[in-house]
Amino acid sequence: MDRPLTRRGLLKGSVLFVAGAAVSACSTGDPLAKGTSAPAGSGAKITLTHWYHEYGEEGTQQAAMKYAADFTKANPDIAVKVSWIPGDYATKWTAAVLTPDGPDVYEVNDVSPNMVKAGQVTALDDVLGAEKADFNPKVLQPYTWGGQVYAVPMIIDPMLVFYRKSLFQKAGVSVPKSFAEFAAAAKKLTQGKQKGLFVGNDGIGDLGQMTAWSSGNLLVDDRTITYDDPKVAEALTAVKDLYDSKAMLQGYSTDWWDPGALINGAAAMQWVGLWAVPGLTEALGDDFDAFPLPPFGPGGRAVVNMGGWVQVVNGKSRNLEAAKKYVRWLWVDNTAAQTDWSLAYGFHIPPRNSAAAKADKLTSGPAKTVMDAVAAHGIKQPALWTPEVRQPWEDAITDIVKKGADARKTLAAAAKRSQDLLDKVPVL
């Protein structure tokens, strides 16, 4: 999932690595930006452009630059220009890959059939190679089309419910085992200025979708929209009841992705990700833990949302084989860099199972709780749940939860619109 991050004044622009040397290339007018040549005497015959969104964790940009420099040292014929893209990254990469002058390598959250058909990505099965079996299959599945994989995972960002243990104890609340208990806990934990739950400043966040998932419905099954379902309607009605109870924190100074509300006691529970563990530990010691969103109703299931970022290669790249070589070196072969990227700056799960198993930071305390929850309850968004297809669903959630619209009728109408949009998605 693409989550907004706090900015810490990181270095802007981009840096080109040629034969181990760093050359500033901050201007979009830089002649090297197209990745077709390198300075005389550099030894590089090819220049790759590699785009990252602007990570908020301090040190990530410098790490990305180091990886590129290390690759060029090992492969002096290939220079790498690292570009750190601030602002609306999704809009910028979407526009950039419409032409052959876009980045050779870039990161995304989703890979749609439209991207495949337009040549904005290329199959990376040869990049994954025999190591494909060492990647979490739940993470690879949404990037697999026509039996081919179009992305290499970079980080796994599980999201679930974190809570203050002392506040639970004070209120006489136990870790909930069902959505009904979860809602009751949120209400009981709402005392004075303290709210029971923070899922986002709009009071809904991901809770609508996650509660539907916890009812046992992933909203789309292959090429069929499934959310026009009485149980999903019941789940969203329960979300509305919780919203109306005034137990949800809204309008906080930061949004759900920042653990500040939990740290400051503004909320006793918060939907947030594994990345929050270091900050929570520093501020609260052992006074916090986590649990999956509990099952909704009979036949439901606990849910941990497995977000994250993946690396893709532009199918229009003039340097396709060199780009694949770079991606394999960094995101498949180089497990030391992968672990460094996941755990030395932020706090994420390395996508290769073997690397995650060796990560000591993930073997104790709340991090271990999250790892166990991921293994038992991790769910990745279905591949065909594209932004266009899910927009009617998101509109329906707002209408039901905030405006009191009839859940069954609203879902039925929205599902028809989603199905029409899904039918237009290319079959691969």
Protein backbone atom coordinates (compact mmCIF):
# COMPACT_ATOMS: atom_id res chain seq x y z
CA MET A 1 0.00 0.00 0.00
CA ASP A 2 1.19 3.55 -0.82
CA ARG A 3 1.27 5.36 2.50
CA PRO A 4 2.18 9.05 2.92
CA LEU A 5 5.27 9.55 5.06
CA THR A 6 6.68 12.34 7.16
CA ARG A 7 9.40 14.29 5.40
CA ARG A 8 12.72 14.88 7.10
CA GLY A 9 14.42 17.27 4.75
CA LEU A 10 16.10 14.57 2.70
CA LEU A 11 18.45 15.48 -0.14
CA LYS A 12 16.44 16.28 -3.27
CA GLY A 13 17.24 15.56 -6.90
CA SER A 14 19.15 12.62 -8.30
CA VAL A 15 22.65 11.23 -8.43
CA LEU A 16 24.36 9.39 -11.26
CA PHE A 17 26.89 6.65 -10.47
CA VAL A 18 29.56 6.03 -13.10
CA ALA A 19 32.51 3.75 -12.45
CA GLY A 20 32.04 4.22 -8.72
CA ALA A 21 31.85 8.03 -8.79
CA ALA A 22 28.80 10.07 -7.87
CA VAL A 23 27.83 12.89 -10.24
CA SER A 24 25.01 15.28 -9.34
CA ALA A 25 22.15 15.26 -11.85
CA CYS A 26 19.45 17.30 -10.16
CA SER A 27 17.96 19.03 -13.18
CA THR A 28 15.33 17.29 -15.29
CA GLY A 29 17.19 18.84 -18.22
CA ASP A 30 20.34 16.85 -17.46
CA PRO A 31 21.47 15.14 -20.70
CA LEU A 32 22.22 11.95 -18.79
CA ALA A 33 18.66 11.64 -17.54
CA LYS A 34 17.62 9.59 -20.55
CA GLY A 35 20.17 6.93 -19.68
CA THR A 36 21.77 6.54 -23.11
CA SER A 37 25.36 7.53 -22.42
CA ALA A 38 27.86 8.34 -19.74
CA PRO A 39 30.65 10.94 -19.49
CA ALA A 40 33.78 10.31 -21.52
CA GLY A 41 36.27 8.19 -19.65
CA SER A 42 33.74 6.83 -17.19
CA GLY A 43 33.85 3.35 -18.73
CA ALA A 44 30.07 3.06 -18.71
CA LYS A 45 28.40 2.18 -22.00
CA ILE A 46 24.87 2.30 -20.59
CA THR A 47 23.17 4.62 -18.10
CA LEU A 48 20.08 3.36 -16.29
CA THR A 49 17.59 5.65 -14.59
CA HIS A 50 16.10 4.36 -11.34
CA TRP A 51 13.16 6.13 -9.71
CA TYR A 52 12.18 5.92 -6.04
CA HIS A 53 9.31 7.71 -4.32
CA GLU A 54 10.43 9.99 -1.50
CA TYR A 55 10.72 7.68 1.50
CA GLY A 56 10.34 9.39 4.86
CA GLU A 57 12.83 7.28 6.81
CA GLU A 58 16.13 9.04 7.32
CA GLY A 59 19.00 7.43 5.44
CA THR A 60 16.98 5.70 2.74
CA GLN A 61 18.08 7.97 -0.09
CA GLN A 62 21.71 7.59 0.86
CA ALA A 63 21.24 3.82 0.97
CA ALA A 64 19.69 3.78 -2.50
CA MET A 65 22.67 5.73 -3.78
CA LYS A 66 25.11 3.33 -2.13
CA TYR A 67 23.43 0.31 -3.72
CA ALA A 68 23.65 1.94 -7.15
CA ALA A 69 27.32 2.80 -6.61
CA ASP A 70 28.08 -0.76 -5.49
CA PHE A 71 26.37 -2.16 -8.58
CA THR A 72 28.42 0.10 -10.86
CA LYS A 73 31.63 -0.96 -9.12
CA ALA A 74 30.75 -4.56 -9.90
CA ASN A 75 29.49 -3.68 -13.39
CA PRO A 76 31.54 -0.68 -14.62
CA ASP A 77 29.92 -0.75 -18.05
CA ILE A 78 26.55 0.20 -16.50
CA ALA A 79 26.00 3.55 -14.78
CA VAL A 80 22.91 4.14 -12.62
CA LYS A 81 21.16 7.47 -12.14
CA VAL A 82 19.10 7.41 -8.93
CA SER A 83 16.19 9.85 -8.87
CA TRP A 84 14.33 10.63 -5.64
CA ILE A 85 10.85 11.78 -6.65
CA PRO A 86 9.05 14.07 -4.16
CA GLY A 87 5.36 14.89 -4.11
CA ASP A 88 2.70 12.95 -6.02
CA TYR A 89 4.87 10.05 -7.09
CA ALA A 90 2.05 8.01 -8.66
CA THR A 91 1.06 10.83 -11.01
CA LYS A 92 4.69 11.45 -11.97
CA TRP A 93 5.63 7.86 -12.79
CA THR A 94 2.33 7.34 -14.63
CA ALA A 95 3.13 10.25 -16.92
CA ALA A 96 6.81 9.36 -17.29
CA VAL A 97 6.28 5.81 -18.56
CA LEU A 98 3.99 6.91 -21.38
CA THR A 99 7.12 7.51 -23.48
CA PRO A 100 10.40 5.64 -24.05
CA ASP A 101 12.16 8.39 -22.08
CA GLY A 102 10.68 7.23 -18.78
CA PRO A 103 12.75 5.55 -16.04
CA ASP A 104 14.29 2.17 -16.83
CA VAL A 105 13.53 0.91 -13.32
CA TYR A 106 10.90 2.25 -10.94
CA GLU A 107 8.85 1.23 -7.91
CA VAL A 108 5.07 0.86 -7.59
CA ASN A 109 2.41 -0.64 -5.32
CA ASP A 110 0.29 -2.27 -8.03
CA VAL A 111 0.78 -3.73 -11.49
CA SER A 112 -2.39 -3.70 -13.58
CA PRO A 113 -3.13 -5.52 -16.85
CA ASN A 114 -3.31 -2.10 -18.48
CA MET A 115 0.32 -1.49 -17.50
CA VAL A 116 1.30 -4.85 -18.95
CA LYS A 117 -0.58 -4.25 -22.19
CA ALA A 118 0.91 -0.75 -22.54
CA GLY A 119 4.46 -2.08 -22.12
CA GLN A 120 5.04 -0.04 -18.97
CA VAL A 121 6.38 -3.17 -17.27
CA THR A 122 8.04 -6.33 -18.52
CA ALA A 123 7.98 -9.92 -17.25
CA LEU A 124 10.69 -10.62 -14.66
CA ASP A 125 10.54 -14.41 -14.30
CA ASP A 126 14.10 -14.63 -15.61
CA VAL A 127 15.14 -12.03 -13.01
CA LEU A 128 13.55 -14.00 -10.16
CA GLY A 129 15.02 -17.26 -11.47
CA ALA A 130 15.23 -20.20 -9.10
CA GLU A 131 14.97 -17.79 -6.15
CA LYS A 132 11.30 -17.20 -6.95
CA ALA A 133 10.43 -20.00 -4.52
CA ASP A 134 12.08 -17.99 -1.72
CA PHE A 135 9.66 -15.06 -2.13
CA ASN A 136 6.39 -14.95 -0.23
CA PRO A 137 3.84 -16.33 -2.74
CA LYS A 138 1.06 -14.14 -1.33
CA VAL A 139 3.14 -11.11 -2.26
CA LEU A 140 3.98 -12.30 -5.78
CA GLN A 141 0.46 -13.34 -6.75
CA PRO A 142 -1.03 -9.84 -7.38
CA TYR A 143 1.81 -9.07 -9.80
CA THR A 144 1.35 -12.25 -11.82
CA TRP A 145 -0.46 -12.04 -15.17
CA GLY A 146 -0.79 -14.78 -17.77
CA GLY A 147 1.51 -16.95 -15.69
CA GLN A 148 4.32 -14.38 -15.70
CA VAL A 149 5.55 -12.21 -12.82
CA TYR A 150 5.97 -8.49 -13.55
CA ALA A 151 7.51 -7.22 -10.30
CA VAL A 152 10.12 -8.06 -7.69
CA PRO A 153 9.06 -7.21 -4.11
CA MET A 154 11.24 -4.71 -2.22
CA ILE A 155 9.55 -4.53 1.20
CA ILE A 156 6.49 -6.03 2.88
CA ASP A 157 4.50 -3.61 5.04
CA PRO A 158 1.94 -5.50 7.16
CA MET A 159 -0.83 -3.39 8.66
CA LEU A 160 -2.95 -4.38 11.65
CA VAL A 161 -4.22 -3.06 15.02
CA PHE A 162 -1.70 -1.84 17.59
CA TYR A 163 -2.81 -1.11 21.14
CA ARG A 164 -1.63 0.24 24.51
CA LYS A 165 -1.49 -2.63 27.00
CA SER A 166 -1.78 -0.37 30.04
CA LEU A 167 -4.93 1.28 28.68
CA PHE A 168 -6.48 -2.13 28.02
CA GLN A 169 -5.66 -3.21 31.56
CA LYS A 170 -7.03 -0.02 33.07
CA ALA A 171 -10.32 -0.37 31.18
CA GLY A 172 -10.59 -4.12 31.81
CA VAL A 173 -10.43 -4.89 28.09
CA SER A 174 -8.95 -8.06 26.60
CA VAL A 175 -7.58 -8.51 23.09
CA PRO A 176 -10.76 -8.93 21.00
CA LYS A 177 -11.43 -12.20 19.21
CA SER A 178 -14.35 -10.98 17.05
CA PHE A 179 -15.36 -7.74 15.37
CA ALA A 180 -18.19 -7.36 17.88
CA GLU A 181 -15.67 -7.51 20.74
CA PHE A 182 -13.41 -5.11 18.83
CA ALA A 183 -16.20 -2.54 18.48
CA ALA A 184 -17.19 -2.97 22.13
CA ALA A 185 -13.56 -2.45 23.18
CA ALA A 186 -13.31 0.76 21.14
CA LYS A 187 -16.40 2.13 22.88
CA LYS A 188 -15.24 1.10 26.36
CA LEU A 189 -11.79 2.60 25.79
CA THR A 190 -13.28 5.97 24.84
CA GLN A 191 -12.88 7.99 28.00
CA GLY A 192 -12.53 11.75 28.29
CA LYS A 193 -10.25 13.04 25.55
CA GLN A 194 -9.07 9.53 24.77
CA LYS A 195 -10.76 7.76 21.85
CA GLY A 196 -10.89 4.01 21.56
CA LEU A 197 -9.68 3.68 17.96
CA PHE A 198 -7.81 5.61 15.27
CA VAL A 199 -8.03 4.33 11.70
CA GLY A 200 -7.64 7.65 9.87
CA ASN A 201 -8.64 11.27 10.15
CA ASP A 202 -11.82 10.65 8.16
CA GLY A 203 -12.97 8.11 10.75
CA ILE A 204 -13.00 5.28 8.19
CA GLY A 205 -9.55 4.76 6.70
CA ASP A 206 -9.07 1.16 5.62
CA LEU A 207 -11.61 -0.14 8.12
CA GLY A 208 -14.41 -0.57 5.57
CA GLN A 209 -12.36 -2.70 3.24
CA MET A 210 -10.62 -4.62 6.02
CA THR A 211 -13.92 -5.43 7.75
CA ALA A 212 -15.31 -6.75 4.47
CA TRP A 213 -12.20 -8.90 4.13
CA SER A 214 -12.67 -10.11 7.70
CA SER A 215 -16.20 -11.23 6.76
CA GLY A 216 -14.57 -13.62 4.30
CA ASN A 217 -15.13 -11.57 1.13
CA LEU A 218 -12.18 -10.12 -0.80
CA LEU A 219 -14.61 -8.05 -2.90
CA VAL A 220 -13.45 -9.49 -6.23
CA ASP A 221 -12.98 -13.13 -7.25
CA ASP A 222 -11.07 -13.53 -10.49
CA ARG A 223 -13.12 -11.38 -12.92
CA THR A 224 -16.29 -11.19 -10.83
CA ILE A 225 -17.19 -8.46 -8.34
CA THR A 226 -18.46 -10.16 -5.18
CA TYR A 227 -19.15 -7.37 -2.73
CA ASP A 228 -22.89 -7.19 -3.45
CA ASP A 229 -23.26 -9.58 -0.53
CA PRO A 230 -25.56 -9.43 2.55
CA LYS A 231 -22.63 -10.20 4.83
CA VAL A 232 -20.59 -7.32 3.39
CA ALA A 233 -23.60 -5.04 3.89
CA GLU A 234 -23.79 -6.24 7.47
CA ALA A 235 -20.08 -5.58 7.95
CA LEU A 236 -20.32 -2.01 6.64
CA THR A 237 -23.37 -1.41 8.81
CA ALA A 238 -21.26 -2.46 11.80
CA VAL A 239 -18.55 -0.02 10.70
CA LYS A 240 -21.20 2.72 10.54
CA ASP A 241 -22.39 1.86 14.04
CA LEU A 242 -18.82 2.16 15.30
CA TYR A 243 -18.38 5.45 13.42
CA ASP A 244 -21.60 6.82 14.93
CA SER A 245 -20.54 5.78 18.44
CA LYS A 246 -17.97 8.62 18.57
CA ALA A 247 -15.30 6.09 19.58
CA MET A 248 -13.18 6.93 16.50
CA LEU A 249 -10.48 9.57 16.67
CA GLN A 250 -10.76 12.08 13.82
CA GLY A 251 -8.90 15.20 12.79
CA TYR A 252 -5.65 14.34 14.58
CA SER A 253 -2.48 16.30 13.79
CA THR A 254 -1.04 13.35 11.82
CA ASP A 255 -2.82 10.54 10.01
CA TRP A 256 -3.09 6.79 10.64
CA TRP A 257 0.37 5.95 9.28
CA ASP A 258 2.07 7.89 12.11
CA PRO A 259 1.84 6.23 15.57
CA GLY A 260 1.69 9.57 17.39
CA ALA A 261 -1.95 9.20 18.41
CA LEU A 262 -1.20 5.89 20.13
CA ILE A 263 1.97 7.22 21.73
CA ASN A 264 0.27 10.35 23.07
CA GLY A 265 -2.77 8.52 24.39
CA ALA A 266 -5.17 10.19 21.98
CA ALA A 267 -6.32 6.69 21.02
CA ALA A 268 -5.99 3.34 22.77
CA MET A 269 -5.93 1.36 19.52
CA GLN A 270 -4.63 2.34 16.09
CA TRP A 271 -4.58 0.77 12.64
CA VAL A 272 -0.95 1.19 11.60
CA GLY A 273 1.94 -0.81 10.15
CA LEU A 274 5.03 -2.68 11.22
CA TRP A 275 7.04 0.41 10.35
CA ALA A 276 5.75 2.03 13.56
CA VAL A 277 7.40 -0.51 15.90
CA PRO A 278 10.73 1.33 16.45
CA GLY A 279 9.00 4.62 17.30
CA LEU A 280 6.50 2.89 19.56
CA THR A 281 9.28 1.00 21.33
CA GLU A 282 11.30 4.15 21.90
CA ALA A 283 8.30 6.02 23.29
CA LEU A 284 6.40 3.29 25.13
CA GLY A 285 8.88 0.53 25.94
CA ASP A 286 6.89 -2.69 26.25
CA ASP A 287 3.52 -0.94 26.76
CA PHE A 288 2.14 -1.93 23.35
CA ASP A 289 1.40 -4.91 21.18
CA ALA A 290 -0.62 -5.78 18.09
CA PHE A 291 -3.37 -8.08 16.82
CA PRO A 292 -5.08 -8.75 13.46
CA LEU A 293 -8.43 -7.20 12.71
CA PRO A 294 -10.70 -9.88 14.22
CA PRO A 295 -13.16 -12.00 12.17
CA PHE A 296 -16.53 -10.49 11.34
CA GLY A 297 -19.33 -12.91 12.12
CA PRO A 298 -19.55 -16.67 11.60
CA GLY A 299 -17.27 -17.83 8.81
CA GLY A 300 -15.15 -14.70 9.05
CA ARG A 301 -11.38 -14.55 9.37
CA ALA A 302 -8.76 -12.44 11.07
CA VAL A 303 -6.99 -10.04 8.70
CA VAL A 304 -3.51 -8.56 8.35
CA ASN A 305 -3.14 -6.37 5.25
CA MET A 306 0.16 -7.04 3.48
CA GLY A 307 1.12 -3.81 1.74
CA GLY A 308 4.50 -2.84 0.39
CA TRP A 309 6.49 -1.69 -2.62
CA VAL A 310 7.72 -3.63 -5.64
CA GLN A 311 10.34 -2.99 -8.30
CA VAL A 312 9.43 -3.08 -11.99
CA VAL A 313 11.35 -2.68 -15.23
CA ASN A 314 9.93 -0.40 -17.90
CA GLY A 315 9.03 -2.54 -20.92
CA LYS A 316 9.92 0.43 -23.15
CA SER A 317 13.45 0.73 -21.76
CA ARG A 318 16.17 1.02 -24.37
CA ASN A 319 18.40 -0.91 -21.95
CA LEU A 320 16.09 -3.76 -20.99
CA GLU A 321 18.69 -6.44 -20.29
CA ALA A 322 20.91 -4.09 -18.30
CA ALA A 323 17.89 -3.00 -16.24
CA LYS A 324 17.00 -6.63 -15.52
CA LYS A 325 20.59 -7.34 -14.55
CA TYR A 326 20.51 -4.43 -12.09
CA VAL A 327 17.17 -5.47 -10.56
CA ARG A 328 18.33 -9.05 -10.10
CA TRP A 329 21.62 -7.92 -8.53
CA LEU A 330 19.87 -5.62 -6.05
CA TRP A 331 16.50 -7.20 -5.26
CA VAL A 332 17.17 -10.93 -5.75
CA ASP A 333 20.87 -11.71 -5.23
CA ASN A 334 21.84 -9.03 -2.72
CA THR A 335 20.09 -10.19 0.44
CA ALA A 336 22.41 -8.04 2.56
CA ALA A 337 21.17 -4.91 0.79
CA GLN A 338 17.57 -6.12 1.00
CA THR A 339 17.83 -6.61 4.76
CA ASP A 340 19.58 -3.26 5.11
CA TRP A 341 16.81 -1.56 3.11
CA SER A 342 14.06 -3.17 5.19
CA LEU A 343 15.47 -2.84 8.69
CA ALA A 344 18.33 -0.33 8.94
CA TYR A 345 16.22 2.80 8.27
CA GLY A 346 12.54 1.95 8.51
CA PHE A 347 11.04 -1.30 9.76
CA HIS A 348 9.69 -3.73 7.16
CA ILE A 349 9.81 -7.42 6.28
CA PRO A 350 12.39 -8.44 3.67
CA PRO A 351 10.38 -10.18 0.89
CA ARG A 352 12.75 -13.15 0.57
CA ASN A 353 11.69 -15.69 3.20
CA SER A 354 15.28 -16.69 3.94
CA ALA A 355 16.29 -13.08 4.60
CA ALA A 356 13.25 -12.46 6.82
CA ALA A 357 14.00 -15.61 8.84
CA LYS A 358 17.53 -14.36 9.57
CA ALA A 359 16.42 -10.86 10.63
CA ASP A 360 17.00 -10.79 14.41
CA LYS A 361 14.95 -7.60 14.82
CA LEU A 362 11.82 -9.52 13.79
CA THR A 363 12.18 -12.40 16.25
CA SER A 364 10.99 -10.88 19.54
CA GLY A 365 8.43 -8.56 21.12
CA PRO A 366 5.69 -6.89 19.06
CA ALA A 367 7.66 -7.49 15.85
CA LYS A 368 7.39 -11.23 16.48
CA THR A 369 3.68 -10.80 17.16
CA VAL A 370 3.30 -9.13 13.76
CA MET A 371 5.38 -11.80 12.00
CA ASP A 372 3.22 -14.55 13.48
CA ALA A 373 0.06 -12.68 12.52
CA VAL A 374 1.31 -12.26 8.95
CA ALA A 375 2.05 -15.98 8.69
CA ALA A 376 -1.39 -16.91 9.97
CA HIS A 377 -3.61 -14.13 8.64
CA GLY A 378 -1.75 -12.14 5.97
CA ILE A 379 -3.84 -11.14 2.95
CA LYS A 380 -2.64 -9.29 -0.13
CA GLN A 381 -5.02 -7.17 -2.17
CA PRO A 382 -6.32 -9.15 -5.19
CA ALA A 383 -4.63 -8.28 -8.47
CA LEU A 384 -7.79 -7.16 -10.26
CA TRP A 385 -8.83 -4.84 -7.43
CA THR A 386 -7.40 -1.94 -9.43
CA PRO A 387 -7.88 1.73 -8.45
CA GLU A 388 -10.54 2.19 -11.13
CA VAL A 389 -12.45 -0.96 -10.19
CA ARG A 390 -12.48 -0.15 -6.48
CA GLN A 391 -13.54 3.51 -6.80
CA PRO A 392 -17.31 2.73 -6.77
CA TRP A 393 -16.73 0.58 -3.68
CA GLU A 394 -14.92 3.41 -1.90
CA ASP A 395 -17.71 5.81 -2.80
CA ALA A 396 -20.23 3.30 -1.42
CA ILE A 397 -18.37 3.07 1.90
CA THR A 398 -18.57 6.85 2.32
CA ASP A 399 -22.27 6.88 1.45
CA ILE A 400 -23.08 4.06 3.86
CA VAL A 401 -20.88 5.00 6.81
CA LYS A 402 -21.03 8.79 6.68
CA LYS A 403 -24.32 9.51 4.95
CA GLY A 404 -26.47 6.66 6.21
CA ALA A 405 -27.30 5.24 2.79
CA ASP A 406 -28.99 1.84 2.62
CA ALA A 407 -26.16 -0.68 2.59
CA ARG A 408 -27.76 -3.34 0.36
CA LYS A 409 -29.02 -0.93 -2.30
CA THR A 410 -25.81 1.11 -2.31
CA LEU A 411 -23.60 -1.97 -2.66
CA ALA A 412 -25.76 -3.40 -5.44
CA ALA A 413 -25.47 -0.22 -7.51
CA ALA A 414 -21.76 0.18 -6.82
CA ALA A 415 -21.04 -3.46 -7.68
CA LYS A 416 -22.60 -3.00 -11.12
CA ARG A 417 -20.33 -0.03 -11.78
CA SER A 418 -17.27 -1.94 -10.53
CA GLN A 419 -18.18 -4.91 -12.72
CA ASP A 420 -18.51 -2.69 -15.80
CA LEU A 421 -15.04 -1.30 -15.10
CA LEU A 422 -13.60 -4.74 -14.40
CA ASP A 423 -14.98 -6.02 -17.71
CA LYS A 424 -12.88 -3.39 -19.46
CA VAL A 425 -9.63 -4.57 -17.86
CA PRO A 426 -7.64 -6.51 -20.49
CA VAL A 427 -7.49 -10.28 -20.21
CA LEU A 428 -3.88 -11.48 -20.21
